[in-house]
Amino acid sequence: MDQRCQRCQSSKQRLEFFRRDPNDVLSRLLTMDETWLYHYDPETKQTSVEWRHNGSPRPKQFRVQKPAGKVLTSIFSDQDGIILIDYLPKGQTLAAEYYSS
């Protein structure tokens, strides 16, 4: 059976479940989203110290700081809110085993 027929049958099955009890179907839905979270090393007071005359304006800082690292975050939720926030371990890749576990 090709994927198109499988999707069609699956959709018809879900629609039938919904017609029987809409609240039950909605309570079973689970969604997931992924996002990269970046973290930075804070600038210390010593590295931001500068000499200037009294009354002279502070110079504007337009530095772009490179992130110290990043982590892939997966957020799972249902109709009541967030169920799980998971952080992918460094060096691991997303695969079917990750999602199923």
C-alpha atoms as a PDB file:
ATOM      1  CA  MET A   1       0.000   0.000   0.000  1.00  0.00           C
ATOM      2  CA  ASP A   2       1.443   3.372  -0.921  1.00  0.00           C
ATOM      3  CA  GLN A   3       1.855   6.218   1.556  1.00  0.00           C
ATOM      4  CA  ARG A   4      -0.983   8.231   0.072  1.00  0.00           C
ATOM      5  CA  CYS A   5      -3.528   5.463   0.759  1.00  0.00           C
ATOM      6  CA  GLN A   6      -2.130   4.966   4.260  1.00  0.00           C
ATOM      7  CA  ARG A   7      -2.509   8.671   5.048  1.00  0.00           C
ATOM      8  CA  CYS A   8      -6.040   8.687   3.679  1.00  0.00           C
ATOM      9  CA  GLN A   9      -7.067   5.662   5.759  1.00  0.00           C
ATOM     10  CA  SER A  10      -5.417   7.096   8.850  1.00  0.00           C
ATOM     11  CA  SER A  11      -7.232  10.417   8.385  1.00  0.00           C
ATOM     12  CA  LYS A  12     -10.593   8.672   7.954  1.00  0.00           C
ATOM     13  CA  GLN A  13      -9.933   6.672  11.132  1.00  0.00           C
ATOM     14  CA  ARG A  14      -9.118   9.827  13.111  1.00  0.00           C
ATOM     15  CA  LEU A  15     -12.215  11.552  11.778  1.00  0.00           C
ATOM     16  CA  GLU A  16     -14.357   8.624  12.915  1.00  0.00           C
ATOM     17  CA  PHE A  17     -12.781   8.759  16.406  1.00  0.00           C
ATOM     18  CA  PHE A  18     -13.489  12.497  16.507  1.00  0.00           C
ATOM     19  CA  ARG A  19     -17.139  12.020  15.509  1.00  0.00           C
ATOM     20  CA  ARG A  20     -17.603   9.497  18.328  1.00  0.00           C
ATOM     21  CA  ASP A  21     -16.108  11.645  21.099  1.00  0.00           C
ATOM     22  CA  PRO A  22     -14.421  14.973  20.196  1.00  0.00           C
ATOM     23  CA  ASN A  23     -13.135  15.572  23.745  1.00  0.00           C
ATOM     24  CA  ASP A  24     -11.432  12.183  23.887  1.00  0.00           C
ATOM     25  CA  VAL A  25      -9.627  12.819  20.603  1.00  0.00           C
ATOM     26  CA  LEU A  26      -8.393  16.241  21.702  1.00  0.00           C
ATOM     27  CA  SER A  27      -7.113  14.845  24.987  1.00  0.00           C
ATOM     28  CA  ARG A  28      -4.972  12.341  23.072  1.00  0.00           C
ATOM     29  CA  LEU A  29      -3.212  14.861  20.814  1.00  0.00           C
ATOM     30  CA  LEU A  30       0.465  15.437  21.492  1.00  0.00           C
ATOM     31  CA  THR A  31       2.556  18.092  19.779  1.00  0.00           C
ATOM     32  CA  MET A  32       6.305  18.617  19.657  1.00  0.00           C
ATOM     33  CA  ASP A  33       8.539  21.495  18.657  1.00  0.00           C
ATOM     34  CA  GLU A  34      12.309  21.890  18.521  1.00  0.00           C
ATOM     35  CA  THR A  35      14.460  24.950  19.032  1.00  0.00           C
ATOM     36  CA  TRP A  36      18.141  25.724  19.513  1.00  0.00           C
ATOM     37  CA  LEU A  37      19.008  27.380  22.829  1.00  0.00           C
ATOM     38  CA  TYR A  38      22.268  29.339  22.810  1.00  0.00           C
ATOM     39  CA  HIS A  39      24.216  30.135  25.945  1.00  0.00           C
ATOM     40  CA  TYR A  40      26.846  32.801  26.445  1.00  0.00           C
ATOM     41  CA  ASP A  41      29.648  33.415  28.898  1.00  0.00           C
ATOM     42  CA  PRO A  42      28.842  36.646  30.735  1.00  0.00           C
ATOM     43  CA  GLU A  43      31.261  39.526  30.425  1.00  0.00           C
ATOM     44  CA  THR A  44      33.098  40.077  33.686  1.00  0.00           C
ATOM     45  CA  LYS A  45      33.352  43.504  35.276  1.00  0.00           C
ATOM     46  CA  GLN A  46      37.117  43.436  34.723  1.00  0.00           C
ATOM     47  CA  THR A  47      36.781  42.945  30.939  1.00  0.00           C
ATOM     48  CA  SER A  48      34.291  45.809  30.626  1.00  0.00           C
ATOM     49  CA  VAL A  49      36.356  48.351  32.609  1.00  0.00           C
ATOM     50  CA  GLU A  50      37.521  51.378  30.626  1.00  0.00           C
ATOM     51  CA  TRP A  51      39.259  54.626  31.433  1.00  0.00           C
ATOM     52  CA  ARG A  52      37.473  57.879  30.605  1.00  0.00           C
ATOM     53  CA  HIS A  53      37.223  61.461  31.868  1.00  0.00           C
ATOM     54  CA  ASN A  54      34.521  62.454  34.346  1.00  0.00           C
ATOM     55  CA  GLY A  55      31.432  63.610  32.483  1.00  0.00           C
ATOM     56  CA  SER A  56      32.402  62.026  29.170  1.00  0.00           C
ATOM     57  CA  PRO A  57      29.658  59.829  27.731  1.00  0.00           C
ATOM     58  CA  ARG A  58      29.985  56.074  27.772  1.00  0.00           C
ATOM     59  CA  PRO A  59      30.741  54.663  24.346  1.00  0.00           C
ATOM     60  CA  LYS A  60      28.067  52.457  22.846  1.00  0.00           C
ATOM     61  CA  GLN A  61      29.001  48.801  22.677  1.00  0.00           C
ATOM     62  CA  PHE A  62      28.056  47.112  19.428  1.00  0.00           C
ATOM     63  CA  ARG A  63      29.938  43.892  19.894  1.00  0.00           C
ATOM     64  CA  VAL A  64      28.414  40.670  18.716  1.00  0.00           C
ATOM     65  CA  GLN A  65      29.328  38.014  21.211  1.00  0.00           C
ATOM     66  CA  LYS A  66      29.781  34.477  19.958  1.00  0.00           C
ATOM     67  CA  PRO A  67      27.762  31.880  21.838  1.00  0.00           C
ATOM     68  CA  ALA A  68      29.654  29.614  24.225  1.00  0.00           C
ATOM     69  CA  GLY A  69      27.529  26.739  22.994  1.00  0.00           C
ATOM     70  CA  LYS A  70      24.110  25.598  21.946  1.00  0.00           C
ATOM     71  CA  VAL A  71      21.741  22.755  22.742  1.00  0.00           C
ATOM     72  CA  LEU A  72      18.796  21.366  20.781  1.00  0.00           C
ATOM     73  CA  THR A  73      15.672  21.476  22.920  1.00  0.00           C
ATOM     74  CA  SER A  74      12.508  19.466  22.236  1.00  0.00           C
ATOM     75  CA  ILE A  75       9.252  20.557  23.862  1.00  0.00           C
ATOM     76  CA  PHE A  76       6.322  18.133  24.059  1.00  0.00           C
ATOM     77  CA  SER A  77       2.845  19.340  25.017  1.00  0.00           C
ATOM     78  CA  ASP A  78      -0.805  18.331  25.065  1.00  0.00           C
ATOM     79  CA  GLN A  79      -4.061  20.218  25.620  1.00  0.00           C
ATOM     80  CA  ASP A  80      -3.158  20.886  29.262  1.00  0.00           C
ATOM     81  CA  GLY A  81       0.292  22.322  28.620  1.00  0.00           C
ATOM     82  CA  ILE A  82       3.932  21.234  28.537  1.00  0.00           C
ATOM     83  CA  ILE A  83       4.559  17.566  29.300  1.00  0.00           C
ATOM     84  CA  LEU A  84       8.304  17.341  28.740  1.00  0.00           C
ATOM     85  CA  ILE A  85      11.255  19.539  27.866  1.00  0.00           C
ATOM     86  CA  ASP A  86      14.180  17.460  26.662  1.00  0.00           C
ATOM     87  CA  TYR A  87      17.724  18.560  25.876  1.00  0.00           C
ATOM     88  CA  LEU A  88      19.584  16.531  23.260  1.00  0.00           C
ATOM     89  CA  PRO A  89      22.941  15.332  24.650  1.00  0.00           C
ATOM     90  CA  LYS A  90      26.020  16.707  22.912  1.00  0.00           C
ATOM     91  CA  GLY A  91      27.114  14.528  20.020  1.00  0.00           C
ATOM     92  CA  GLN A  92      23.763  12.717  19.717  1.00  0.00           C
ATOM     93  CA  THR A  93      21.649  13.060  16.597  1.00  0.00           C
ATOM     94  CA  LEU A  94      17.896  13.060  16.213  1.00  0.00           C
ATOM     95  CA  ALA A  95      16.608   9.742  14.930  1.00  0.00           C
ATOM     96  CA  ALA A  96      13.523   7.556  15.236  1.00  0.00           C
ATOM     97  CA  GLU A  97      14.957   5.970  18.411  1.00  0.00           C
ATOM     98  CA  TYR A  98      15.113   9.380  20.091  1.00  0.00           C
ATOM     99  CA  TYR A  99      11.481  10.196  19.315  1.00  0.00           C
ATOM    100  CA  SER A 100      10.176   6.793  20.312  1.00  0.00           C
ATOM    101  CA  SER A 101      12.020   6.788  23.634  1.00  0.00           C
END
